[in-house]
N, C-alpha and C. Protein backbone atom coordinates (compact mmCIF):
# COMPACT_ATOMS: atom_id res chain seq x y z
N MET A 1 12.80 -21.81 2.03
CA MET A 1 13.93 -21.07 1.49
C MET A 1 14.73 -20.51 2.66
N ASP A 2 16.05 -20.52 2.52
CA ASP A 2 16.88 -20.02 3.61
C ASP A 2 16.82 -18.50 3.69
N THR A 3 17.28 -17.97 4.81
CA THR A 3 17.20 -16.54 5.10
C THR A 3 17.90 -15.68 4.05
N ILE A 4 19.11 -16.05 3.67
CA ILE A 4 19.87 -15.25 2.70
C ILE A 4 19.13 -15.16 1.37
N ASN A 5 18.63 -16.28 0.88
CA ASN A 5 17.90 -16.28 -0.39
C ASN A 5 16.57 -15.54 -0.29
N ALA A 6 15.91 -15.62 0.87
CA ALA A 6 14.67 -14.86 1.07
C ALA A 6 14.96 -13.37 1.00
N ILE A 7 16.03 -12.93 1.66
CA ILE A 7 16.41 -11.51 1.62
C ILE A 7 16.76 -11.11 0.19
N ARG A 8 17.51 -11.94 -0.50
CA ARG A 8 17.87 -11.63 -1.90
C ARG A 8 16.62 -11.47 -2.76
N PHE A 9 15.67 -12.38 -2.59
CA PHE A 9 14.43 -12.29 -3.36
C PHE A 9 13.69 -11.00 -3.04
N ILE A 10 13.54 -10.69 -1.76
CA ILE A 10 12.82 -9.49 -1.35
C ILE A 10 13.51 -8.25 -1.92
N LEU A 11 14.83 -8.19 -1.81
CA LEU A 11 15.56 -7.03 -2.31
C LEU A 11 15.46 -6.91 -3.83
N SER A 12 15.32 -8.05 -4.52
CA SER A 12 15.20 -8.00 -5.98
C SER A 12 13.87 -7.38 -6.42
N LYS A 13 12.91 -7.33 -5.51
CA LYS A 13 11.59 -6.77 -5.79
C LYS A 13 11.38 -5.47 -5.01
N THR A 14 12.48 -4.79 -4.69
CA THR A 14 12.40 -3.61 -3.83
C THR A 14 13.14 -2.43 -4.45
N ASP A 15 12.51 -1.27 -4.39
CA ASP A 15 13.14 -0.01 -4.82
C ASP A 15 13.74 0.63 -3.57
N ARG A 16 15.07 0.63 -3.50
CA ARG A 16 15.75 1.17 -2.32
C ARG A 16 16.32 2.57 -2.56
N SER A 17 15.73 3.31 -3.49
CA SER A 17 16.26 4.63 -3.83
C SER A 17 15.92 5.69 -2.79
N GLY A 18 14.97 5.44 -1.92
CA GLY A 18 14.58 6.40 -0.89
C GLY A 18 14.76 5.83 0.50
N ASP A 19 14.33 6.59 1.49
CA ASP A 19 14.44 6.14 2.88
C ASP A 19 13.58 4.90 3.10
N CYS A 20 12.37 4.91 2.56
CA CYS A 20 11.54 3.71 2.58
C CYS A 20 11.97 2.81 1.43
N TRP A 21 12.12 1.53 1.71
CA TRP A 21 12.43 0.56 0.67
C TRP A 21 11.10 0.02 0.18
N LEU A 22 10.69 0.43 -1.00
CA LEU A 22 9.36 0.12 -1.49
C LEU A 22 9.28 -1.18 -2.26
N TRP A 23 8.38 -2.03 -1.81
CA TRP A 23 8.12 -3.31 -2.46
C TRP A 23 7.51 -3.05 -3.82
N THR A 24 8.08 -3.64 -4.87
CA THR A 24 7.58 -3.44 -6.22
C THR A 24 6.92 -4.70 -6.79
N GLY A 25 6.89 -5.74 -6.00
CA GLY A 25 6.28 -6.99 -6.44
C GLY A 25 4.77 -6.96 -6.24
N GLY A 26 4.17 -8.12 -6.20
CA GLY A 26 2.71 -8.23 -6.06
C GLY A 26 2.21 -7.66 -4.75
N ARG A 27 0.93 -7.31 -4.75
CA ARG A 27 0.30 -6.73 -3.56
C ARG A 27 -0.99 -7.47 -3.21
N HIS A 28 -1.26 -7.50 -1.93
CA HIS A 28 -2.55 -7.98 -1.45
C HIS A 28 -3.56 -6.86 -1.67
N GLY A 29 -4.84 -7.17 -1.63
CA GLY A 29 -5.88 -6.16 -1.75
C GLY A 29 -5.82 -5.11 -0.66
N THR A 30 -5.15 -5.43 0.43
CA THR A 30 -5.02 -4.50 1.55
C THR A 30 -3.94 -3.46 1.32
N GLY A 31 -3.17 -3.61 0.24
CA GLY A 31 -2.11 -2.65 -0.06
C GLY A 31 -0.73 -3.08 0.42
N TYR A 32 -0.65 -4.18 1.14
CA TYR A 32 0.64 -4.69 1.59
C TYR A 32 1.28 -5.55 0.51
N GLY A 33 2.61 -5.53 0.45
CA GLY A 33 3.32 -6.37 -0.48
C GLY A 33 3.16 -7.84 -0.11
N CYS A 34 3.16 -8.71 -1.11
CA CYS A 34 3.05 -10.13 -0.82
C CYS A 34 4.16 -10.89 -1.55
N VAL A 35 4.63 -11.92 -0.89
CA VAL A 35 5.67 -12.76 -1.46
C VAL A 35 5.10 -14.16 -1.66
N PRO A 36 5.61 -14.91 -2.63
CA PRO A 36 5.13 -16.28 -2.83
C PRO A 36 5.42 -17.16 -1.61
N ALA A 37 4.55 -18.10 -1.35
CA ALA A 37 4.70 -18.99 -0.19
C ALA A 37 6.03 -19.74 -0.22
N ILE A 38 6.55 -20.00 -1.40
CA ILE A 38 7.82 -20.72 -1.50
C ILE A 38 8.98 -19.88 -0.95
N ILE A 39 8.80 -18.55 -0.95
CA ILE A 39 9.83 -17.64 -0.44
C ILE A 39 9.74 -17.52 1.07
N HIS A 40 8.52 -17.33 1.57
CA HIS A 40 8.34 -17.16 3.01
C HIS A 40 6.93 -17.55 3.40
N LYS A 41 6.78 -18.11 4.57
CA LYS A 41 5.48 -18.61 5.02
C LYS A 41 4.46 -17.51 5.29
N SER A 42 4.91 -16.28 5.60
CA SER A 42 3.97 -15.24 6.02
C SER A 42 3.18 -14.64 4.86
N HIS A 43 3.71 -14.66 3.68
CA HIS A 43 3.11 -14.07 2.48
C HIS A 43 3.21 -12.55 2.44
N TYR A 44 3.36 -11.87 3.57
CA TYR A 44 3.50 -10.41 3.58
C TYR A 44 4.97 -10.05 3.47
N ALA A 45 5.30 -9.16 2.54
CA ALA A 45 6.69 -8.79 2.28
C ALA A 45 7.36 -8.18 3.51
N HIS A 46 6.66 -7.29 4.23
CA HIS A 46 7.29 -6.65 5.38
C HIS A 46 7.54 -7.65 6.50
N ARG A 47 6.65 -8.61 6.68
CA ARG A 47 6.85 -9.64 7.72
C ARG A 47 8.00 -10.57 7.32
N ALA A 48 8.04 -10.92 6.02
CA ALA A 48 9.12 -11.78 5.53
C ALA A 48 10.47 -11.10 5.72
N MET A 49 10.54 -9.81 5.42
CA MET A 49 11.79 -9.07 5.60
C MET A 49 12.16 -8.99 7.08
N TYR A 50 11.20 -8.69 7.92
CA TYR A 50 11.48 -8.59 9.35
C TYR A 50 12.06 -9.91 9.86
N GLU A 51 11.39 -11.01 9.57
CA GLU A 51 11.86 -12.31 10.07
C GLU A 51 13.20 -12.71 9.46
N SER A 52 13.41 -12.35 8.20
CA SER A 52 14.67 -12.72 7.55
C SER A 52 15.84 -11.86 8.02
N ALA A 53 15.59 -10.58 8.25
CA ALA A 53 16.67 -9.66 8.60
C ALA A 53 16.85 -9.48 10.10
N ILE A 54 15.76 -9.56 10.87
CA ILE A 54 15.83 -9.26 12.30
C ILE A 54 15.67 -10.52 13.16
N GLY A 55 14.65 -11.29 12.87
CA GLY A 55 14.42 -12.51 13.63
C GLY A 55 12.95 -12.83 13.75
N PRO A 56 12.63 -13.87 14.51
CA PRO A 56 11.24 -14.30 14.63
C PRO A 56 10.34 -13.21 15.22
N ILE A 57 9.10 -13.22 14.78
CA ILE A 57 8.10 -12.31 15.33
C ILE A 57 7.51 -13.00 16.56
N PRO A 58 7.63 -12.36 17.73
CA PRO A 58 7.09 -12.99 18.94
C PRO A 58 5.60 -13.28 18.80
N LYS A 59 5.19 -14.41 19.36
CA LYS A 59 3.80 -14.84 19.28
C LYS A 59 2.88 -13.73 19.81
N GLY A 60 1.82 -13.46 19.06
CA GLY A 60 0.83 -12.47 19.46
C GLY A 60 1.16 -11.04 19.04
N LEU A 61 2.33 -10.84 18.42
CA LEU A 61 2.70 -9.49 18.00
C LEU A 61 2.60 -9.36 16.48
N PHE A 62 2.54 -8.13 16.04
CA PHE A 62 2.46 -7.78 14.63
C PHE A 62 3.73 -7.05 14.24
N VAL A 63 3.99 -6.95 12.94
CA VAL A 63 5.10 -6.13 12.45
C VAL A 63 4.48 -4.80 12.02
N LEU A 64 4.92 -3.73 12.70
CA LEU A 64 4.38 -2.40 12.47
C LEU A 64 5.36 -1.56 11.66
N HIS A 65 4.83 -0.65 10.87
CA HIS A 65 5.63 0.26 10.06
C HIS A 65 5.78 1.59 10.80
N GLU A 66 6.98 1.94 11.20
CA GLU A 66 7.22 3.25 11.82
C GLU A 66 6.94 4.36 10.82
N CYS A 67 7.13 4.09 9.55
CA CYS A 67 6.99 5.08 8.47
C CYS A 67 5.56 5.17 7.94
N ASP A 68 4.67 4.29 8.38
CA ASP A 68 3.28 4.24 7.92
C ASP A 68 3.14 3.95 6.44
N ASN A 69 4.12 3.30 5.85
CA ASN A 69 4.08 2.99 4.43
C ASN A 69 3.94 1.48 4.28
N ARG A 70 2.79 1.02 3.85
CA ARG A 70 2.51 -0.41 3.75
C ARG A 70 3.46 -1.16 2.83
N LEU A 71 4.04 -0.47 1.86
CA LEU A 71 4.93 -1.13 0.91
C LEU A 71 6.39 -1.12 1.38
N CYS A 72 6.69 -0.46 2.49
CA CYS A 72 8.07 -0.37 2.96
C CYS A 72 8.52 -1.69 3.58
N VAL A 73 9.71 -2.14 3.16
CA VAL A 73 10.31 -3.35 3.72
C VAL A 73 11.67 -3.05 4.34
N ASN A 74 11.97 -1.78 4.58
CA ASN A 74 13.23 -1.40 5.22
C ASN A 74 13.20 -1.89 6.66
N PRO A 75 14.10 -2.80 7.04
CA PRO A 75 14.08 -3.33 8.40
C PRO A 75 14.19 -2.23 9.47
N ALA A 76 14.84 -1.12 9.13
CA ALA A 76 14.97 -0.02 10.10
C ALA A 76 13.63 0.66 10.37
N HIS A 77 12.65 0.45 9.51
CA HIS A 77 11.33 1.06 9.68
C HIS A 77 10.32 0.10 10.29
N LEU A 78 10.74 -1.13 10.56
CA LEU A 78 9.82 -2.15 11.05
C LEU A 78 10.10 -2.47 12.51
N ARG A 79 9.02 -2.68 13.26
CA ARG A 79 9.15 -3.10 14.66
C ARG A 79 7.95 -3.97 15.01
N THR A 80 8.08 -4.70 16.08
CA THR A 80 6.95 -5.50 16.52
C THR A 80 6.14 -4.70 17.53
N GLY A 81 4.86 -5.01 17.59
CA GLY A 81 3.97 -4.36 18.53
C GLY A 81 2.64 -5.09 18.57
N THR A 82 1.82 -4.70 19.51
CA THR A 82 0.51 -5.34 19.65
C THR A 82 -0.48 -4.74 18.68
N HIS A 83 -1.59 -5.43 18.53
CA HIS A 83 -2.66 -4.93 17.68
C HIS A 83 -3.17 -3.59 18.24
N LEU A 84 -3.29 -3.50 19.56
CA LEU A 84 -3.76 -2.26 20.19
C LEU A 84 -2.81 -1.09 19.93
N GLU A 85 -1.50 -1.35 19.98
CA GLU A 85 -0.53 -0.30 19.66
C GLU A 85 -0.73 0.18 18.22
N ASN A 86 -0.95 -0.75 17.32
CA ASN A 86 -1.14 -0.42 15.91
C ASN A 86 -2.41 0.43 15.73
N ILE A 87 -3.49 0.06 16.41
CA ILE A 87 -4.75 0.79 16.33
C ILE A 87 -4.58 2.19 16.89
N ARG A 88 -3.94 2.30 18.05
CA ARG A 88 -3.74 3.62 18.66
C ARG A 88 -2.86 4.53 17.78
N ASP A 89 -1.83 3.95 17.17
CA ASP A 89 -0.97 4.71 16.27
C ASP A 89 -1.78 5.19 15.07
N MET A 90 -2.59 4.32 14.52
CA MET A 90 -3.43 4.65 13.37
C MET A 90 -4.39 5.79 13.73
N GLN A 91 -5.01 5.72 14.89
CA GLN A 91 -5.94 6.76 15.32
C GLN A 91 -5.22 8.08 15.57
N ALA A 92 -4.06 8.01 16.20
CA ALA A 92 -3.30 9.23 16.50
C ALA A 92 -2.89 9.95 15.22
N LYS A 93 -2.68 9.19 14.15
CA LYS A 93 -2.26 9.77 12.87
C LYS A 93 -3.43 9.96 11.92
N ASN A 94 -4.66 9.76 12.42
CA ASN A 94 -5.87 9.98 11.64
C ASN A 94 -5.92 9.15 10.37
N ARG A 95 -5.48 7.89 10.47
CA ARG A 95 -5.49 7.00 9.32
C ARG A 95 -6.59 5.95 9.41
N HIS A 96 -7.51 6.10 10.35
CA HIS A 96 -8.56 5.10 10.53
C HIS A 96 -9.78 5.43 9.69
N ARG A 97 -10.59 4.40 9.46
CA ARG A 97 -11.82 4.56 8.67
C ARG A 97 -12.71 5.59 9.36
N GLY A 98 -13.24 6.49 8.57
CA GLY A 98 -14.08 7.55 9.12
C GLY A 98 -13.26 8.79 9.41
N GLY A 99 -11.95 8.64 9.50
CA GLY A 99 -11.07 9.77 9.75
C GLY A 99 -9.97 9.79 8.71
N SER A 100 -10.24 9.19 7.58
CA SER A 100 -9.22 9.07 6.55
C SER A 100 -8.76 10.42 6.03
N LEU A 101 -7.49 10.48 5.72
CA LEU A 101 -6.93 11.68 5.13
C LEU A 101 -7.40 11.79 3.69
N PRO A 102 -7.64 13.00 3.21
CA PRO A 102 -8.15 13.15 1.84
C PRO A 102 -7.07 13.01 0.78
N GLY A 103 -7.50 12.54 -0.40
CA GLY A 103 -6.65 12.54 -1.58
C GLY A 103 -5.29 11.91 -1.40
N GLU A 104 -4.27 12.57 -1.97
CA GLU A 104 -2.91 12.04 -1.97
C GLU A 104 -2.33 11.84 -0.58
N SER A 105 -2.82 12.57 0.41
CA SER A 105 -2.28 12.44 1.75
C SER A 105 -2.70 11.13 2.41
N ASN A 106 -3.66 10.43 1.81
CA ASN A 106 -4.10 9.14 2.34
C ASN A 106 -3.16 8.06 1.81
N PRO A 107 -2.56 7.27 2.72
CA PRO A 107 -1.62 6.24 2.26
C PRO A 107 -2.24 5.20 1.35
N SER A 108 -3.56 5.11 1.30
CA SER A 108 -4.23 4.11 0.47
C SER A 108 -4.70 4.67 -0.87
N CYS A 109 -4.40 5.93 -1.17
CA CYS A 109 -4.92 6.50 -2.41
C CYS A 109 -4.33 5.77 -3.61
N LYS A 110 -5.10 5.71 -4.67
CA LYS A 110 -4.70 4.99 -5.88
C LYS A 110 -4.09 5.92 -6.92
N PHE A 111 -4.48 7.20 -6.92
CA PHE A 111 -4.06 8.14 -7.93
C PHE A 111 -3.67 9.47 -7.29
N THR A 112 -2.80 10.20 -7.97
CA THR A 112 -2.47 11.54 -7.50
C THR A 112 -3.67 12.45 -7.77
N ASP A 113 -3.71 13.58 -7.08
CA ASP A 113 -4.79 14.53 -7.31
C ASP A 113 -4.80 14.99 -8.77
N GLU A 114 -3.61 15.15 -9.35
CA GLU A 114 -3.51 15.59 -10.75
C GLU A 114 -4.10 14.53 -11.69
N GLN A 115 -3.83 13.25 -11.42
CA GLN A 115 -4.39 12.18 -12.25
C GLN A 115 -5.91 12.18 -12.17
N VAL A 116 -6.45 12.42 -10.98
CA VAL A 116 -7.91 12.46 -10.82
C VAL A 116 -8.48 13.62 -11.61
N ARG A 117 -7.81 14.79 -11.56
CA ARG A 117 -8.28 15.94 -12.34
C ARG A 117 -8.28 15.61 -13.84
N GLN A 118 -7.24 14.93 -14.31
CA GLN A 118 -7.16 14.57 -15.73
C GLN A 118 -8.28 13.59 -16.11
N ILE A 119 -8.52 12.61 -15.26
CA ILE A 119 -9.57 11.63 -15.53
C ILE A 119 -10.93 12.33 -15.55
N ARG A 120 -11.18 13.20 -14.57
CA ARG A 120 -12.47 13.91 -14.53
C ARG A 120 -12.63 14.81 -15.74
N SER A 121 -11.56 15.45 -16.16
CA SER A 121 -11.61 16.32 -17.34
C SER A 121 -11.94 15.49 -18.59
N ALA A 122 -11.31 14.34 -18.72
CA ALA A 122 -11.58 13.47 -19.88
C ALA A 122 -13.03 13.02 -19.88
N ILE A 123 -13.56 12.69 -18.71
CA ILE A 123 -14.96 12.26 -18.60
C ILE A 123 -15.88 13.41 -19.01
N GLU A 124 -15.60 14.61 -18.49
CA GLU A 124 -16.42 15.79 -18.80
C GLU A 124 -16.37 16.13 -20.28
N ASN A 125 -15.26 15.82 -20.94
CA ASN A 125 -15.12 16.10 -22.37
C ASN A 125 -15.63 14.96 -23.25
N GLY A 126 -16.32 14.00 -22.63
CA GLY A 126 -17.00 12.96 -23.39
C GLY A 126 -16.19 11.73 -23.73
N MET A 127 -15.02 11.55 -23.11
CA MET A 127 -14.23 10.35 -23.40
C MET A 127 -15.03 9.12 -22.96
N PRO A 128 -15.19 8.13 -23.83
CA PRO A 128 -15.91 6.91 -23.45
C PRO A 128 -15.21 6.21 -22.28
N PRO A 129 -15.99 5.60 -21.39
CA PRO A 129 -15.42 4.94 -20.20
C PRO A 129 -14.30 3.95 -20.53
N ILE A 130 -14.49 3.12 -21.54
CA ILE A 130 -13.48 2.10 -21.86
C ILE A 130 -12.18 2.75 -22.30
N GLU A 131 -12.28 3.85 -23.04
CA GLU A 131 -11.08 4.56 -23.49
C GLU A 131 -10.37 5.22 -22.30
N ALA A 132 -11.14 5.81 -21.40
CA ALA A 132 -10.55 6.44 -20.22
C ALA A 132 -9.86 5.38 -19.35
N GLN A 133 -10.49 4.23 -19.24
CA GLN A 133 -9.90 3.15 -18.44
C GLN A 133 -8.57 2.72 -19.02
N ARG A 134 -8.50 2.58 -20.34
CA ARG A 134 -7.25 2.18 -20.99
C ARG A 134 -6.21 3.29 -20.94
N THR A 135 -6.63 4.51 -21.21
CA THR A 135 -5.71 5.64 -21.26
C THR A 135 -5.05 5.89 -19.90
N PHE A 136 -5.85 5.84 -18.84
CA PHE A 136 -5.34 6.19 -17.51
C PHE A 136 -4.99 4.99 -16.64
N GLY A 137 -5.22 3.78 -17.15
CA GLY A 137 -4.90 2.59 -16.37
C GLY A 137 -5.73 2.48 -15.10
N VAL A 138 -6.97 2.88 -15.21
CA VAL A 138 -7.86 2.89 -14.06
C VAL A 138 -8.86 1.75 -14.21
N SER A 139 -9.14 1.07 -13.11
CA SER A 139 -10.11 -0.02 -13.17
C SER A 139 -11.51 0.55 -13.38
N GLU A 140 -12.42 -0.30 -13.81
CA GLU A 140 -13.80 0.14 -14.01
C GLU A 140 -14.40 0.68 -12.72
N THR A 141 -14.12 0.01 -11.59
CA THR A 141 -14.63 0.45 -10.30
C THR A 141 -14.13 1.85 -9.95
N HIS A 142 -12.82 2.05 -10.08
CA HIS A 142 -12.27 3.37 -9.75
C HIS A 142 -12.73 4.43 -10.75
N PHE A 143 -12.88 4.06 -12.01
CA PHE A 143 -13.38 4.99 -13.01
C PHE A 143 -14.73 5.55 -12.57
N TYR A 144 -15.65 4.65 -12.19
CA TYR A 144 -16.99 5.11 -11.81
C TYR A 144 -16.99 5.84 -10.48
N ARG A 145 -16.10 5.48 -9.57
CA ARG A 145 -16.00 6.24 -8.31
C ARG A 145 -15.54 7.67 -8.59
N ILE A 146 -14.55 7.80 -9.45
CA ILE A 146 -14.05 9.14 -9.80
C ILE A 146 -15.15 9.91 -10.55
N LYS A 147 -15.82 9.25 -11.46
CA LYS A 147 -16.90 9.88 -12.23
C LYS A 147 -18.00 10.41 -11.31
N LYS A 148 -18.30 9.65 -10.26
CA LYS A 148 -19.35 10.06 -9.32
C LYS A 148 -18.87 11.13 -8.34
N GLY A 149 -17.60 11.49 -8.44
CA GLY A 149 -17.09 12.56 -7.58
C GLY A 149 -16.51 12.09 -6.27
N HIS A 150 -16.27 10.79 -6.16
CA HIS A 150 -15.68 10.29 -4.93
C HIS A 150 -14.23 10.72 -4.86
N ARG A 151 -13.77 10.94 -3.68
CA ARG A 151 -12.43 11.45 -3.43
C ARG A 151 -11.37 10.46 -3.89
N ASN A 152 -10.60 10.83 -4.90
CA ASN A 152 -9.47 10.08 -5.40
C ASN A 152 -9.74 8.59 -5.57
N GLY A 153 -10.95 8.27 -6.02
CA GLY A 153 -11.28 6.88 -6.27
C GLY A 153 -11.66 6.13 -5.02
N GLN A 154 -11.72 6.84 -3.88
CA GLN A 154 -12.12 6.20 -2.62
C GLN A 154 -13.61 6.36 -2.44
N SER A 155 -14.15 5.77 -1.41
CA SER A 155 -15.61 5.72 -1.27
C SER A 155 -16.22 6.98 -0.68
N GLN A 156 -15.44 7.89 -0.12
CA GLN A 156 -16.03 9.10 0.46
C GLN A 156 -16.10 10.21 -0.57
N ARG A 157 -17.09 11.03 -0.46
CA ARG A 157 -17.28 12.16 -1.38
C ARG A 157 -16.32 13.30 -1.06
N THR A 158 -15.98 14.09 -2.10
CA THR A 158 -15.15 15.27 -1.89
C THR A 158 -16.00 16.41 -1.39
């Protein structure tokens, strides 16, 4: 697909109402936006946007988010850098495993703190798991993590 059509496709799946342009299409399990292979060879929305709007990604470099938002595809928030730069940035901002930010402040959280409180309250009041899963749109895995007291559906305890 040519550059103009790739950008059009990406923008059609993007919420540009804020400073970060948030990808609203499909996501990889890692939390990054993904685009169909027919649209772009990289499959990652932020990489596809970078290459379409800015240019080729130099060999050996990654596309990094200045805003730390995995779903952001705003070219102004994207830059290239090494894997080591990305790791150091992650550590400096305490976003690495073992130093994860708690609850909503963690960029990988699945639910707001209020949603977790509501889910826990429903569980405590005897709501059956299947009903809670349907009511709150929570997967079975996250339901049981929240039930066990894990922080916002993540693997660490509160």
